[in-house]
Structure formats: C-alpha cells, structure tokens
C-alpha cells in the first residue's frame, strides 16, 4: 500500500544525525512504501518555548528538506504562540512564502489559551492545516502548557473553519477520540507510544474512516511498527488505504 506519513521529525539535534541523517530516514521511509512525509521540525531543539530566532532555524531546516526532496516533503511551520502576534505572523508569512502547507504547535502553551487567536486567524486566511501536539496529561498537572484532547476540542469549536490534526491517537486514547468526536474540523493522527489493540478500529468506528490519518513520529518511533498499527488493525483494505494515504492526500491537497 502507498502511504503518506503526516507526522515526522527528520532532523533532530539530540541524536546528532543532522541533515545527513534526514536523508537516511527518508530512504527508510521510501523502503516501507511511504511516498510522502510531513516534516514538523525539531520542535524541542531549544526547549518548550523557543525564541523567534530559534524558530527560524528550525523552520529553515525544514525548508532545506523541502528543497532537497521536492515532491517528497511537505513542511509545517513550527511556532511559539506566546511570542505575540507580530512575531507569529512574521514567521507564518515567511513560511507561507516558501511553500509550507501547515503549522505545528508543541508545548509552549495550552491550545485553549488566548494567544492562539492570531495564529488561528492566519491559518484560516492562508488555508493552512494545524497539527497540535496533544496527550492525556491532566493527572500529571502540566496542563498549563500541555494540551489535553478536551483543549483541542475547545480550540476547534472556537475556530471551526481551521482544519486541525490532533496528534498522538495512542497518547490521547479513547478519551481523545470522544473529546473531538463532535468537531468535524478535527482529524487524528495515529502516532504516539506503542500500538494498543483495537484503538485504531475504535477511532474509525467513532469518527469515521475519513478522520483518521497515519503518522509515525519517526525517528522517535519506528516506521515498521507505526505502519503495522494500521495494517494489523481489523479494517478492510479500502479503509486502511484511506488512513495510510488518501485522507492525508486530500487534507494536504497534494496532486
């Protein structure tokens, strides 16, 4: 089956692979039948709240990948909403001019915070997809900067015209699926931790097959394991192909 990986980080400084390692990762992806990857940047390279200059470095690496692998890499612009409207809009405009198709948010703030408004307004203006890091975090009391599934739902309801990917199906679990079920502008990616039997099937049953997308979180996770999460699920071949490829192609408006 063909596949599009909606959630990858080809360049990571912590593992000392650099740009050369990114080429190797893309080769491994292609060996698994993954024809296209969304590069989200090294989002924690400078901690959870990067400066404007640090964001430019992260996004410049993503742009380098887009130029080096045309037709294979789609870039998402990493942002820190707490830097304020001017800084956020500057970086979005810079990335849009370079052909980025989406925005990536990590753990600088919670998705329900007021600082999200300028970013979401710009996303709607430019037709950008937002990939929001999410995980069921309430019990460890880090919700001030971590986004729980319910926070994604709050954001989606405030900005119903922005297409949102809630990251980490396994990290969000059944709770996450139920939290965003009534939000038609939210899809979920299947990345996050080890596979759990029945969870992908549950997401399809609750959300519909069009609202579930394959993502690996590579190189933090392994391509083979991430793909097996889908191919090993009790789903028919047509549904698997939607999750692995067709839904992402439509969301990203790829040729």
C-alpha atoms as a PDB file:
ATOM      1  CA  UNK A   1       0.000   0.000   0.000  1.00  0.00           C
ATOM      2  CA  UNK A   2       1.041   3.586  -0.615  1.00  0.00           C
ATOM      3  CA  UNK A   3       1.441   5.782   2.434  1.00  0.00           C
ATOM      4  CA  UNK A   4       1.817   9.425   3.449  1.00  0.00           C
ATOM      5  CA  UNK A   5       3.336   9.991   6.875  1.00  0.00           C
ATOM      6  CA  UNK A   6       1.635  13.022   8.409  1.00  0.00           C
ATOM      7  CA  UNK A   7       3.917  13.235  11.474  1.00  0.00           C
ATOM      8  CA  UNK A   8       7.728  13.087  11.171  1.00  0.00           C
ATOM      9  CA  UNK A   9      10.772  14.921  12.509  1.00  0.00           C
ATOM     10  CA  UNK A  10      13.554  14.100  10.005  1.00  0.00           C
ATOM     11  CA  UNK A  11      16.130  16.431  11.593  1.00  0.00           C
ATOM     12  CA  UNK A  12      16.786  16.012  15.321  1.00  0.00           C
ATOM     13  CA  UNK A  13      19.792  17.593  17.032  1.00  0.00           C
ATOM     14  CA  UNK A  14      19.680  15.364  20.115  1.00  0.00           C
ATOM     15  CA  UNK A  15      20.628  12.213  18.198  1.00  0.00           C
ATOM     16  CA  UNK A  16      23.417  14.030  16.325  1.00  0.00           C
ATOM     17  CA  UNK A  17      22.183  12.855  12.924  1.00  0.00           C
ATOM     18  CA  UNK A  18      21.748  16.303  11.401  1.00  0.00           C
ATOM     19  CA  UNK A  19      20.846  16.765   7.769  1.00  0.00           C
ATOM     20  CA  UNK A  20      22.679  13.640   6.652  1.00  0.00           C
ATOM     21  CA  UNK A  21      20.555  11.546   8.969  1.00  0.00           C
ATOM     22  CA  UNK A  22      17.437  13.063   7.451  1.00  0.00           C
ATOM     23  CA  UNK A  23      18.380  11.660   4.049  1.00  0.00           C
ATOM     24  CA  UNK A  24      18.750   8.214   5.615  1.00  0.00           C
ATOM     25  CA  UNK A  25      15.382   8.492   7.344  1.00  0.00           C
ATOM     26  CA  UNK A  26      13.650   9.426   4.083  1.00  0.00           C
ATOM     27  CA  UNK A  27      15.274   6.461   2.352  1.00  0.00           C
ATOM     28  CA  UNK A  28      13.975   4.147   5.087  1.00  0.00           C
ATOM     29  CA  UNK A  29      10.511   5.623   4.725  1.00  0.00           C
ATOM     30  CA  UNK A  30      10.502   5.040   0.987  1.00  0.00           C
ATOM     31  CA  UNK A  31      11.655   1.444   1.509  1.00  0.00           C
ATOM     32  CA  UNK A  32       8.446   0.967   3.542  1.00  0.00           C
ATOM     33  CA  UNK A  33       6.243   2.380   0.784  1.00  0.00           C
ATOM     34  CA  UNK A  34       5.930   5.847   2.305  1.00  0.00           C
ATOM     35  CA  UNK A  35       5.918   8.191  -0.672  1.00  0.00           C
ATOM     36  CA  UNK A  36       5.475  11.496   1.105  1.00  0.00           C
ATOM     37  CA  UNK A  37       6.337  12.852   4.559  1.00  0.00           C
ATOM     38  CA  UNK A  38       5.203  15.884   6.512  1.00  0.00           C
ATOM     39  CA  UNK A  39       8.256  17.378   8.241  1.00  0.00           C
ATOM     40  CA  UNK A  40       7.339  19.113  11.502  1.00  0.00           C
ATOM     41  CA  UNK A  41      10.780  20.335  12.514  1.00  0.00           C
ATOM     42  CA  UNK A  42      12.967  19.691  15.535  1.00  0.00           C
ATOM     43  CA  UNK A  43      10.311  21.152  17.783  1.00  0.00           C
ATOM     44  CA  UNK A  44      12.092  20.693  21.125  1.00  0.00           C
ATOM     45  CA  UNK A  45      15.596  21.588  19.945  1.00  0.00           C
ATOM     46  CA  UNK A  46      15.587  24.729  22.121  1.00  0.00           C
ATOM     47  CA  UNK A  47      13.186  23.652  24.842  1.00  0.00           C
ATOM     48  CA  UNK A  48       9.476  24.086  25.030  1.00  0.00           C
ATOM     49  CA  UNK A  49       9.416  27.862  24.381  1.00  0.00           C
ATOM     50  CA  UNK A  50      11.817  28.776  21.535  1.00  0.00           C
ATOM     51  CA  UNK A  51      12.622  32.360  20.582  1.00  0.00           C
ATOM     52  CA  UNK A  52      11.799  33.881  17.218  1.00  0.00           C
ATOM     53  CA  UNK A  53      15.391  33.388  16.035  1.00  0.00           C
ATOM     54  CA  UNK A  54      15.379  29.752  17.169  1.00  0.00           C
ATOM     55  CA  UNK A  55      12.112  29.113  15.346  1.00  0.00           C
ATOM     56  CA  UNK A  56      13.648  30.468  12.166  1.00  0.00           C
ATOM     57  CA  UNK A  57      16.500  27.975  12.472  1.00  0.00           C
ATOM     58  CA  UNK A  58      14.074  25.081  12.962  1.00  0.00           C
ATOM     59  CA  UNK A  59      11.928  26.130  10.018  1.00  0.00           C
ATOM     60  CA  UNK A  60      14.992  26.779   7.841  1.00  0.00           C
ATOM     61  CA  UNK A  61      15.964  23.125   8.349  1.00  0.00           C
ATOM     62  CA  UNK A  62      12.508  22.062   7.201  1.00  0.00           C
ATOM     63  CA  UNK A  63      12.754  24.307   4.164  1.00  0.00           C
ATOM     64  CA  UNK A  64      16.136  22.761   3.326  1.00  0.00           C
ATOM     65  CA  UNK A  65      14.437  19.354   3.317  1.00  0.00           C
ATOM     66  CA  UNK A  66      11.657  20.617   1.059  1.00  0.00           C
ATOM     67  CA  UNK A  67      14.229  21.929  -1.413  1.00  0.00           C
ATOM     68  CA  UNK A  68      16.373  18.794  -1.240  1.00  0.00           C
ATOM     69  CA  UNK A  69      13.433  16.381  -1.662  1.00  0.00           C
ATOM     70  CA  UNK A  70      10.860  18.160  -3.872  1.00  0.00           C
ATOM     71  CA  UNK A  71       7.577  16.310  -4.128  1.00  0.00           C
ATOM     72  CA  UNK A  72       8.510  14.126  -1.153  1.00  0.00           C
ATOM     73  CA  UNK A  73       8.480  16.572   1.787  1.00  0.00           C
ATOM     74  CA  UNK A  74       5.691  18.908   2.886  1.00  0.00           C
ATOM     75  CA  UNK A  75       6.788  21.405   5.528  1.00  0.00           C
ATOM     76  CA  UNK A  76       4.816  22.569   8.545  1.00  0.00           C
ATOM     77  CA  UNK A  77       5.936  25.813  10.215  1.00  0.00           C
ATOM     78  CA  UNK A  78       6.795  25.423  13.906  1.00  0.00           C
ATOM     79  CA  UNK A  79       5.535  28.310  16.056  1.00  0.00           C
ATOM     80  CA  UNK A  80       5.504  29.612  19.603  1.00  0.00           C
ATOM     81  CA  UNK A  81       2.211  31.486  20.151  1.00  0.00           C
ATOM     82  CA  UNK A  82       3.469  33.081  23.390  1.00  0.00           C
ATOM     83  CA  UNK A  83       5.852  35.328  21.395  1.00  0.00           C
ATOM     84  CA  UNK A  84       2.935  37.540  20.414  1.00  0.00           C
ATOM     85  CA  UNK A  85       1.001  38.394  17.295  1.00  0.00           C
ATOM     86  CA  UNK A  86       3.720  40.263  15.406  1.00  0.00           C
ATOM     87  CA  UNK A  87       6.322  37.520  15.789  1.00  0.00           C
ATOM     88  CA  UNK A  88       3.825  34.770  14.977  1.00  0.00           C
ATOM     89  CA  UNK A  89       2.537  36.483  11.854  1.00  0.00           C
ATOM     90  CA  UNK A  90       6.076  37.281  10.669  1.00  0.00           C
ATOM     91  CA  UNK A  91       7.104  33.647  10.783  1.00  0.00           C
ATOM     92  CA  UNK A  92       3.872  32.399   9.230  1.00  0.00           C
ATOM     93  CA  UNK A  93       4.218  34.816   6.317  1.00  0.00           C
ATOM     94  CA  UNK A  94       7.858  33.797   5.835  1.00  0.00           C
ATOM     95  CA  UNK A  95       6.945  30.107   5.793  1.00  0.00           C
ATOM     96  CA  UNK A  96       3.906  30.524   3.549  1.00  0.00           C
ATOM     97  CA  UNK A  97       6.072  32.342   1.001  1.00  0.00           C
ATOM     98  CA  UNK A  98       8.342  29.279   0.988  1.00  0.00           C
ATOM     99  CA  UNK A  99       5.525  26.826   0.313  1.00  0.00           C
ATOM    100  CA  UNK A 100       4.754  25.478   3.787  1.00  0.00           C
ATOM    101  CA  UNK A 101       1.254  23.999   3.995  1.00  0.00           C
ATOM    102  CA  UNK A 102       0.657  23.802   7.728  1.00  0.00           C
ATOM    103  CA  UNK A 103       1.550  24.905  11.246  1.00  0.00           C
ATOM    104  CA  UNK A 104       2.985  22.810  14.088  1.00  0.00           C
ATOM    105  CA  UNK A 105       2.464  23.531  17.771  1.00  0.00           C
ATOM    106  CA  UNK A 106       4.200  21.694  20.576  1.00  0.00           C
ATOM    107  CA  UNK A 107       4.130  22.574  24.312  1.00  0.00           C
ATOM    108  CA  UNK A 108       4.840  26.303  24.554  1.00  0.00           C
ATOM    109  CA  UNK A 109       1.256  26.829  25.707  1.00  0.00           C
ATOM    110  CA  UNK A 110      -2.130  25.169  26.025  1.00  0.00           C
ATOM    111  CA  UNK A 111      -4.299  25.209  22.886  1.00  0.00           C
ATOM    112  CA  UNK A 112      -7.155  26.872  24.755  1.00  0.00           C
ATOM    113  CA  UNK A 113      -5.048  29.980  25.562  1.00  0.00           C
ATOM    114  CA  UNK A 114      -5.949  33.398  24.133  1.00  0.00           C
ATOM    115  CA  UNK A 115      -2.552  33.692  22.421  1.00  0.00           C
ATOM    116  CA  UNK A 116      -3.769  31.165  19.840  1.00  0.00           C
ATOM    117  CA  UNK A 117      -6.098  33.649  18.140  1.00  0.00           C
ATOM    118  CA  UNK A 118      -3.590  35.398  15.816  1.00  0.00           C
ATOM    119  CA  UNK A 119      -2.192  32.061  14.714  1.00  0.00           C
ATOM    120  CA  UNK A 120      -5.621  30.564  14.027  1.00  0.00           C
ATOM    121  CA  UNK A 121      -6.746  33.668  12.170  1.00  0.00           C
ATOM    122  CA  UNK A 122      -3.675  33.418   9.935  1.00  0.00           C
ATOM    123  CA  UNK A 123      -4.262  29.704   9.418  1.00  0.00           C
ATOM    124  CA  UNK A 124      -7.772  30.400   8.196  1.00  0.00           C
ATOM    125  CA  UNK A 125      -6.580  33.257   5.980  1.00  0.00           C
ATOM    126  CA  UNK A 126      -3.933  31.102   4.257  1.00  0.00           C
ATOM    127  CA  UNK A 127      -5.817  27.787   4.297  1.00  0.00           C
ATOM    128  CA  UNK A 128      -3.189  26.148   6.497  1.00  0.00           C
ATOM    129  CA  UNK A 129      -3.592  22.903   8.440  1.00  0.00           C
ATOM    130  CA  UNK A 130      -2.729  22.999  12.156  1.00  0.00           C
ATOM    131  CA  UNK A 131      -1.073  19.976  13.767  1.00  0.00           C
ATOM    132  CA  UNK A 132      -1.478  20.328  17.521  1.00  0.00           C
ATOM    133  CA  UNK A 133       0.519  18.193  19.960  1.00  0.00           C
ATOM    134  CA  UNK A 134      -1.934  16.553  22.354  1.00  0.00           C
ATOM    135  CA  UNK A 135      -1.746  13.945  25.094  1.00  0.00           C
ATOM    136  CA  UNK A 136      -3.841  12.970  28.094  1.00  0.00           C
ATOM    137  CA  UNK A 137      -1.814  14.939  30.639  1.00  0.00           C
ATOM    138  CA  UNK A 138      -4.273  16.126  33.304  1.00  0.00           C
ATOM    139  CA  UNK A 139      -3.148  13.720  36.004  1.00  0.00           C
ATOM    140  CA  UNK A 140       0.465  14.923  35.979  1.00  0.00           C
ATOM    141  CA  UNK A 141      -0.595  18.573  36.351  1.00  0.00           C
ATOM    142  CA  UNK A 142       1.190  20.010  33.321  1.00  0.00           C
ATOM    143  CA  UNK A 143      -1.918  21.284  31.568  1.00  0.00           C
ATOM    144  CA  UNK A 144      -0.735  24.903  31.727  1.00  0.00           C
ATOM    145  CA  UNK A 145       1.482  24.183  28.725  1.00  0.00           C
ATOM    146  CA  UNK A 146       0.466  20.659  27.629  1.00  0.00           C
ATOM    147  CA  UNK A 147      -2.691  20.288  25.561  1.00  0.00           C
ATOM    148  CA  UNK A 148      -5.259  17.678  26.534  1.00  0.00           C
ATOM    149  CA  UNK A 149      -7.795  16.347  23.991  1.00  0.00           C
ATOM    150  CA  UNK A 150     -10.515  18.498  25.528  1.00  0.00           C
ATOM    151  CA  UNK A 151      -8.377  21.572  24.853  1.00  0.00           C
ATOM    152  CA  UNK A 152      -8.139  20.603  21.180  1.00  0.00           C
ATOM    153  CA  UNK A 153     -11.924  20.396  21.102  1.00  0.00           C
ATOM    154  CA  UNK A 154     -12.187  23.861  22.664  1.00  0.00           C
ATOM    155  CA  UNK A 155      -9.843  25.268  20.019  1.00  0.00           C
ATOM    156  CA  UNK A 156     -11.720  23.540  17.217  1.00  0.00           C
ATOM    157  CA  UNK A 157     -15.056  24.923  18.378  1.00  0.00           C
ATOM    158  CA  UNK A 158     -13.636  28.454  18.538  1.00  0.00           C
ATOM    159  CA  UNK A 159     -12.217  28.199  15.000  1.00  0.00           C
ATOM    160  CA  UNK A 160     -14.471  25.802  13.077  1.00  0.00           C
ATOM    161  CA  UNK A 161     -13.056  26.834   9.700  1.00  0.00           C
ATOM    162  CA  UNK A 162      -9.484  25.762  10.508  1.00  0.00           C
ATOM    163  CA  UNK A 163      -8.541  22.155   9.783  1.00  0.00           C
ATOM    164  CA  UNK A 164      -6.845  20.632  12.834  1.00  0.00           C
ATOM    165  CA  UNK A 165      -4.851  17.436  13.263  1.00  0.00           C
ATOM    166  CA  UNK A 166      -4.874  16.210  16.857  1.00  0.00           C
ATOM    167  CA  UNK A 167      -1.581  14.371  17.247  1.00  0.00           C
ATOM    168  CA  UNK A 168      -0.970  11.074  19.036  1.00  0.00           C
ATOM    169  CA  UNK A 169      -4.011   8.828  18.964  1.00  0.00           C
ATOM    170  CA  UNK A 170      -2.324   6.417  21.366  1.00  0.00           C
ATOM    171  CA  UNK A 171      -1.385   9.220  23.742  1.00  0.00           C
ATOM    172  CA  UNK A 172      -4.928  10.611  23.671  1.00  0.00           C
ATOM    173  CA  UNK A 173      -6.670   7.234  23.723  1.00  0.00           C
ATOM    174  CA  UNK A 174     -10.408   6.627  23.908  1.00  0.00           C
ATOM    175  CA  UNK A 175     -10.754   9.866  25.850  1.00  0.00           C
ATOM    176  CA  UNK A 176      -9.234  11.802  22.962  1.00  0.00           C
ATOM    177  CA  UNK A 177     -11.477  10.239  20.354  1.00  0.00           C
ATOM    178  CA  UNK A 178     -14.583  11.073  22.354  1.00  0.00           C
ATOM    179  CA  UNK A 179     -13.376  14.622  23.093  1.00  0.00           C
ATOM    180  CA  UNK A 180     -13.159  15.586  19.401  1.00  0.00           C
ATOM    181  CA  UNK A 181     -15.947  13.392  18.040  1.00  0.00           C
ATOM    182  CA  UNK A 182     -18.340  16.332  17.664  1.00  0.00           C
ATOM    183  CA  UNK A 183     -15.684  18.548  15.981  1.00  0.00           C
ATOM    184  CA  UNK A 184     -15.872  17.911  12.220  1.00  0.00           C
ATOM    185  CA  UNK A 185     -12.794  20.074  11.564  1.00  0.00           C
ATOM    186  CA  UNK A 186     -10.572  17.759  13.660  1.00  0.00           C
ATOM    187  CA  UNK A 187      -8.821  14.628  12.413  1.00  0.00           C
ATOM    188  CA  UNK A 188      -6.471  12.463  14.473  1.00  0.00           C
ATOM    189  CA  UNK A 189      -3.093  11.008  13.578  1.00  0.00           C
ATOM    190  CA  UNK A 190      -2.174   7.529  14.746  1.00  0.00           C
ATOM    191  CA  UNK A 191       1.246   8.332  16.239  1.00  0.00           C
ATOM    192  CA  UNK A 192       2.264   8.154  19.880  1.00  0.00           C
ATOM    193  CA  UNK A 193       3.693   5.371  22.058  1.00  0.00           C
ATOM    194  CA  UNK A 194       3.307   1.645  21.396  1.00  0.00           C
ATOM    195  CA  UNK A 195       0.251   0.352  19.495  1.00  0.00           C
ATOM    196  CA  UNK A 196      -2.809  -0.619  21.525  1.00  0.00           C
ATOM    197  CA  UNK A 197      -5.030  -3.363  20.160  1.00  0.00           C
ATOM    198  CA  UNK A 198      -8.413  -2.104  18.997  1.00  0.00           C
ATOM    199  CA  UNK A 199      -7.707   1.621  19.324  1.00  0.00           C
ATOM    200  CA  UNK A 200      -7.461   2.403  15.609  1.00  0.00           C
ATOM    201  CA  UNK A 201     -10.642   0.421  14.980  1.00  0.00           C
ATOM    202  CA  UNK A 202     -12.351   2.360  17.772  1.00  0.00           C
ATOM    203  CA  UNK A 203     -11.307   5.696  16.263  1.00  0.00           C
ATOM    204  CA  UNK A 204     -12.661   4.669  12.867  1.00  0.00           C
ATOM    205  CA  UNK A 205     -15.939   3.498  14.388  1.00  0.00           C
ATOM    206  CA  UNK A 206     -16.422   6.741  16.338  1.00  0.00           C
ATOM    207  CA  UNK A 207     -15.033   9.326  13.907  1.00  0.00           C
ATOM    208  CA  UNK A 208     -15.386   7.666  10.513  1.00  0.00           C
ATOM    209  CA  UNK A 209     -12.550   6.438   8.316  1.00  0.00           C
ATOM    210  CA  UNK A 210     -12.010   9.906   6.776  1.00  0.00           C
ATOM    211  CA  UNK A 211     -10.936  11.425  10.104  1.00  0.00           C
ATOM    212  CA  UNK A 212      -8.037   9.081  10.930  1.00  0.00           C
ATOM    213  CA  UNK A 213      -4.564   9.598   9.383  1.00  0.00           C
ATOM    214  CA  UNK A 214      -1.394   7.554   9.601  1.00  0.00           C
ATOM    215  CA  UNK A 215       1.519   9.193  11.416  1.00  0.00           C
ATOM    216  CA  UNK A 216       4.682   7.663  12.833  1.00  0.00           C
ATOM    217  CA  UNK A 217       6.501  10.357  14.853  1.00  0.00           C
ATOM    218  CA  UNK A 218       9.694   8.995  13.232  1.00  0.00           C
ATOM    219  CA  UNK A 219      12.537   8.797  14.135  1.00  0.00           C
ATOM    220  CA  UNK A 220      11.248   8.811  17.719  1.00  0.00           C
ATOM    221  CA  UNK A 221       9.051   5.870  16.654  1.00  0.00           C
ATOM    222  CA  UNK A 222       9.773   3.173  14.095  1.00  0.00           C
ATOM    223  CA  UNK A 223       8.176   3.171  10.635  1.00  0.00           C
ATOM    224  CA  UNK A 224       7.507  -0.579  10.629  1.00  0.00           C
ATOM    225  CA  UNK A 225       5.732  -0.501  14.000  1.00  0.00           C
ATOM    226  CA  UNK A 226       3.752   2.614  13.083  1.00  0.00           C
ATOM    227  CA  UNK A 227       2.605   1.102   9.789  1.00  0.00           C
ATOM    228  CA  UNK A 228       1.703  -2.202  11.452  1.00  0.00           C
ATOM    229  CA  UNK A 229      -0.622  -0.243  13.734  1.00  0.00           C
ATOM    230  CA  UNK A 230      -2.749   0.241  10.605  1.00  0.00           C
ATOM    231  CA  UNK A 231      -2.066  -2.873   8.542  1.00  0.00           C
ATOM    232  CA  UNK A 232      -2.555  -5.100  11.588  1.00  0.00           C
ATOM    233  CA  UNK A 233      -5.867  -3.495  12.510  1.00  0.00           C
ATOM    234  CA  UNK A 234      -9.149  -5.284  11.783  1.00  0.00           C
ATOM    235  CA  UNK A 235     -10.066  -2.963   8.951  1.00  0.00           C
ATOM    236  CA  UNK A 236     -10.751  -3.682   5.310  1.00  0.00           C
ATOM    237  CA  UNK A 237      -8.162  -2.788   2.683  1.00  0.00           C
ATOM    238  CA  UNK A 238     -10.068   0.278   1.465  1.00  0.00           C
ATOM    239  CA  UNK A 239     -10.229   1.753   4.975  1.00  0.00           C
ATOM    240  CA  UNK A 240      -6.552   1.044   5.554  1.00  0.00           C
ATOM    241  CA  UNK A 241      -5.666   2.816   2.306  1.00  0.00           C
ATOM    242  CA  UNK A 242      -7.688   5.857   3.389  1.00  0.00           C
ATOM    243  CA  UNK A 243      -5.828   6.049   6.691  1.00  0.00           C
ATOM    244  CA  UNK A 244      -2.403   5.401   5.195  1.00  0.00           C
ATOM    245  CA  UNK A 245      -2.663   7.663   2.166  1.00  0.00           C
ATOM    246  CA  UNK A 246      -5.920   9.039   0.804  1.00  0.00           C
ATOM    247  CA  UNK A 247      -7.043  11.121   3.789  1.00  0.00           C
ATOM    248  CA  UNK A 248      -3.680  12.892   4.086  1.00  0.00           C
ATOM    249  CA  UNK A 249      -3.548  13.493   0.350  1.00  0.00           C
ATOM    250  CA  UNK A 250      -6.942  15.210   0.488  1.00  0.00           C
ATOM    251  CA  UNK A 251      -6.138  17.189   3.651  1.00  0.00           C
ATOM    252  CA  UNK A 252      -2.844  18.496   2.250  1.00  0.00           C
ATOM    253  CA  UNK A 253      -4.326  18.946  -1.234  1.00  0.00           C
ATOM    254  CA  UNK A 254      -1.468  17.047  -2.821  1.00  0.00           C
ATOM    255  CA  UNK A 255      -1.518  16.277  -6.548  1.00  0.00           C
END
